[in-house]
Protein backbone atom coordinates (compact mmCIF):
# COMPACT_ATOMS: atom_id res chain seq x y z
CA MET A 1 22.57 2.99 63.77
CA LYS A 2 21.64 0.78 66.60
CA THR A 3 20.03 -2.61 65.82
CA VAL A 4 16.42 -3.53 67.34
CA THR A 5 16.52 -7.02 68.72
CA ILE A 6 13.99 -9.48 69.74
CA ASN A 7 13.24 -11.20 73.06
CA ALA A 8 11.16 -14.15 71.86
CA GLU A 9 10.36 -15.42 75.47
CA GLN A 10 8.63 -12.27 76.41
CA LYS A 11 7.18 -11.35 72.93
CA LEU A 12 9.26 -8.12 72.72
CA TYR A 13 11.12 -5.82 70.25
CA VAL A 14 13.86 -4.38 72.24
CA ILE A 15 14.68 -0.89 71.01
CA PRO A 16 17.85 0.92 71.77
CA CYS A 17 17.73 4.54 72.71
CA ASP A 18 19.84 7.37 72.04
CA GLY A 19 22.04 8.26 75.13
CA GLY A 20 21.90 4.38 76.52
CA GLY A 21 19.29 2.35 77.66
CA CYS A 22 16.31 0.81 75.77
CA THR A 23 12.63 0.57 75.13
CA CYS A 24 10.26 -2.22 74.38
CA LEU A 25 7.51 -2.99 72.00
CA GLY A 26 5.28 -5.89 72.53
CA PHE A 27 4.58 -8.30 69.34
CA ASP A 28 0.77 -7.77 70.12
CA VAL A 29 0.97 -4.05 70.29
CA CYS A 30 3.20 -3.67 67.16
CA LEU A 31 0.54 -5.88 65.13
CA SER A 32 -2.61 -4.07 66.48
CA TRP A 33 -1.16 -0.65 65.91
CA THR A 34 0.02 -1.47 62.36
CA GLN A 35 -3.41 -2.82 61.53
CA ALA A 36 -4.96 0.33 63.19
CA TYR A 37 -2.77 2.84 61.38
CA ALA A 38 -3.73 1.23 58.25
CA ALA A 39 -7.44 1.08 58.86
CA ALA A 40 -7.10 4.79 59.88
CA MET A 41 -5.90 5.53 56.49
CA GLY A 42 -8.50 3.26 54.80
CA GLU A 43 -6.06 0.60 53.80
CA THR A 44 -6.30 -2.92 54.09
CA LEU A 45 -3.33 -5.14 54.84
CA ALA A 46 -3.68 -8.11 52.98
CA ILE A 47 -0.30 -9.45 53.68
CA GLN A 48 2.04 -8.79 56.84
CA PRO A 49 5.37 -10.25 57.66
CA PRO A 50 5.36 -13.11 60.02
CA TYR A 51 4.36 -12.35 63.48
CA GLY A 52 7.37 -11.49 65.99
CA THR A 53 10.04 -10.83 63.22
CA ILE A 54 12.24 -8.11 62.60
CA GLU A 55 10.43 -7.89 59.16
CA ALA A 56 7.26 -7.24 61.04
CA TYR A 57 8.79 -4.53 63.19
CA ASN A 58 10.12 -2.77 59.96
CA PHE A 59 6.74 -3.18 58.47
CA TYR A 60 5.20 -1.48 61.55
CA ARG A 61 7.54 1.56 61.17
CA GLU A 62 6.87 1.92 57.49
CA VAL A 63 2.99 2.02 57.98
CA GLU A 64 3.50 4.21 60.89
CA ALA A 65 5.50 6.84 58.68
CA ARG A 66 2.95 6.68 55.92
CA PHE A 67 0.25 7.43 58.75
CA CYS A 68 2.30 10.37 60.14
CA LYS A 69 1.85 12.05 56.58
CA HIS A 70 -1.80 11.00 56.14
CA PRO A 71 -4.67 13.69 57.10
CA ALA A 72 -5.85 10.95 59.60
CA ALA A 73 -2.77 11.75 61.81
CA LYS A 74 -4.42 15.15 62.63
CA ALA A 75 -6.88 13.49 64.94
CA THR A 76 -6.20 12.22 68.49
CA PHE A 77 -5.12 8.35 67.85
CA TYR A 78 -6.54 5.96 70.68
CA ASP A 79 -5.18 2.67 71.43
CA PRO A 80 -6.65 -0.19 69.15
CA GLY A 81 -9.58 -1.63 71.06
CA THR A 82 -10.79 1.42 72.76
CA PRO A 83 -14.63 1.70 72.94
CA ASP A 84 -15.93 4.43 70.89
CA GLU A 85 -17.97 5.93 73.63
CA VAL A 86 -14.68 6.23 75.55
CA ARG A 87 -13.04 8.05 72.56
CA ARG A 88 -16.01 10.46 72.31
CA ILE A 89 -15.91 11.18 76.15
CA LEU A 90 -12.25 11.82 76.14
CA ASP A 91 -12.55 14.04 72.84
CA ASN A 92 -15.35 16.02 74.34
CA ALA A 93 -13.38 16.45 77.93
CA HIS A 94 -10.30 17.69 75.84
CA ASN A 95 -12.36 20.14 73.95
CA SER A 96 -14.13 21.31 77.14
CA HIS A 97 -11.11 21.03 79.67
CA THR A 98 -13.42 18.95 81.93
CA ARG A 99 -11.32 17.39 84.79
CA LEU A 100 -11.91 13.42 84.80
CA ARG A 101 -11.05 10.57 86.85
CA LEU A 102 -10.18 7.46 84.92
CA TYR A 103 -10.18 3.94 86.15
CA TYR A 104 -8.20 1.29 84.47
CA GLY A 105 -9.11 -2.42 84.36
CA ASP A 106 -9.52 -5.69 82.41
CA ARG A 107 -11.44 -4.66 79.25
CA ASN A 108 -12.90 -8.02 78.91
CA THR A 109 -14.24 -8.76 82.46
CA GLY A 110 -14.70 -5.04 83.50
CA LEU A 111 -12.69 -5.94 86.56
CA ASP A 112 -11.13 -2.61 88.05
CA TRP A 113 -7.50 -2.77 88.63
CA GLY A 114 -7.79 -0.77 91.86
CA ASP A 115 -5.16 1.77 90.90
CA ASP A 116 -6.10 4.03 93.97
CA ALA A 117 -2.28 4.40 94.67
CA CYS A 118 -1.85 5.67 91.04
CA GLU A 119 -3.47 9.42 90.49
CA LEU A 120 -5.88 9.07 87.51
CA THR A 121 -7.44 12.55 87.80
CA GLY A 122 -6.85 15.52 85.30
CA THR A 123 -7.59 17.12 82.01
CA ILE A 124 -6.99 15.47 78.69
CA GLY A 125 -4.46 16.64 76.56
CA ARG A 126 -2.70 15.30 73.41
CA SER A 127 0.90 14.57 72.77
CA MET A 128 2.67 16.71 70.37
CA GLY A 129 4.52 14.10 68.31
CA PRO A 130 3.46 12.91 64.91
CA VAL A 131 1.01 10.55 65.96
CA HIS A 132 -1.30 12.49 68.82
CA ILE A 133 -2.18 10.23 71.59
CA PRO A 134 -4.32 11.39 74.56
CA LEU A 135 -2.54 12.43 77.78
CA LEU A 136 -3.80 12.88 81.37
CA ILE A 137 -2.63 16.28 82.53
CA LYS A 138 -2.62 16.72 86.18
CA THR A 139 -3.26 20.30 86.53
CA ALA A 140 -3.73 23.64 84.61
CA ARG A 141 -0.05 24.41 85.36
CA SER A 142 1.35 21.26 84.25
CA SER A 143 3.56 21.10 81.08
CA GLY A 144 2.75 17.44 80.13
CA GLY A 145 1.35 14.20 81.37
CA GLY A 146 1.29 10.49 81.02
CA ALA A 147 -0.20 8.59 78.02
CA ILE A 148 -3.78 7.27 78.77
CA LEU A 149 -4.16 3.66 78.28
CA SER A 150 -7.51 4.13 76.62
CA ASP A 151 -8.18 0.71 75.66
CA SER A 152 -8.10 -0.21 79.45
CA ILE A 153 -10.64 2.29 80.73
CA VAL A 154 -13.33 0.50 82.73
CA LYS A 155 -14.93 3.72 84.09
CA ILE A 156 -14.80 7.53 83.71
CA GLU A 157 -16.22 10.03 86.28
CA THR A 158 -16.25 13.70 86.35
CA THR A 159 -14.58 15.35 89.39
CA GLY A 160 -15.41 17.99 91.86
CA LYS A 161 -19.16 19.11 92.57
CA GLY A 162 -21.88 17.08 91.02
CA LYS A 163 -19.55 14.28 90.31
CA ARG A 164 -21.17 11.90 87.63
CA THR A 165 -20.23 8.72 85.83
CA LEU A 166 -19.72 9.27 82.19
CA TYR A 167 -18.90 5.83 81.30
CA GLN A 168 -18.79 2.37 82.73
CA HIS A 169 -17.86 -0.98 81.24
CA PRO A 170 -21.02 -3.19 81.10
CA GLU A 171 -19.56 -5.64 83.69
CA TYR A 172 -17.85 -3.18 85.97
CA HIS A 173 -16.65 -4.40 89.31
CA ARG A 174 -13.95 -3.95 91.88
CA GLU A 175 -12.55 -7.05 93.99
CA VAL A 176 -13.81 -6.91 97.60
CA THR A 177 -10.87 -7.11 100.02
CA ALA A 178 -11.21 -8.10 103.53
């Protein structure tokens, strides 16, 4: 079994992958997902292992494993911090196959990151794993898509004729470039 290591400087768990390489999980993400899994199951985590330790990572994995067996795991699971309105819109779009244009940005300030080079248009799907996260599916012929950073959405629009804004961060704005 390969061992998870800690990169304390970058606040990351470094997780070896089968076939070589690795993936990383940030300490803050690990903590927030642990808390979100517990909340979805109606649990309160009175005591948690110290932040940024292997014990905290192992605890996260234990809570995640319990969540995967819980009835709450049948629903789409959004990033902790995702506004309820964004969850509702994405769920509705998934059920109705509505094409959307997503805009990512700073969830605190509403500043659009200006990801015009990155295509953020498609329909909403769900991953097939034990934790169903929302995916952005490019076309009806696509067989998969990328994970949606639901907690970083600052604006959602429908596409095509009659384009309309379904959600906009209260302080939404874009940097003006010269």
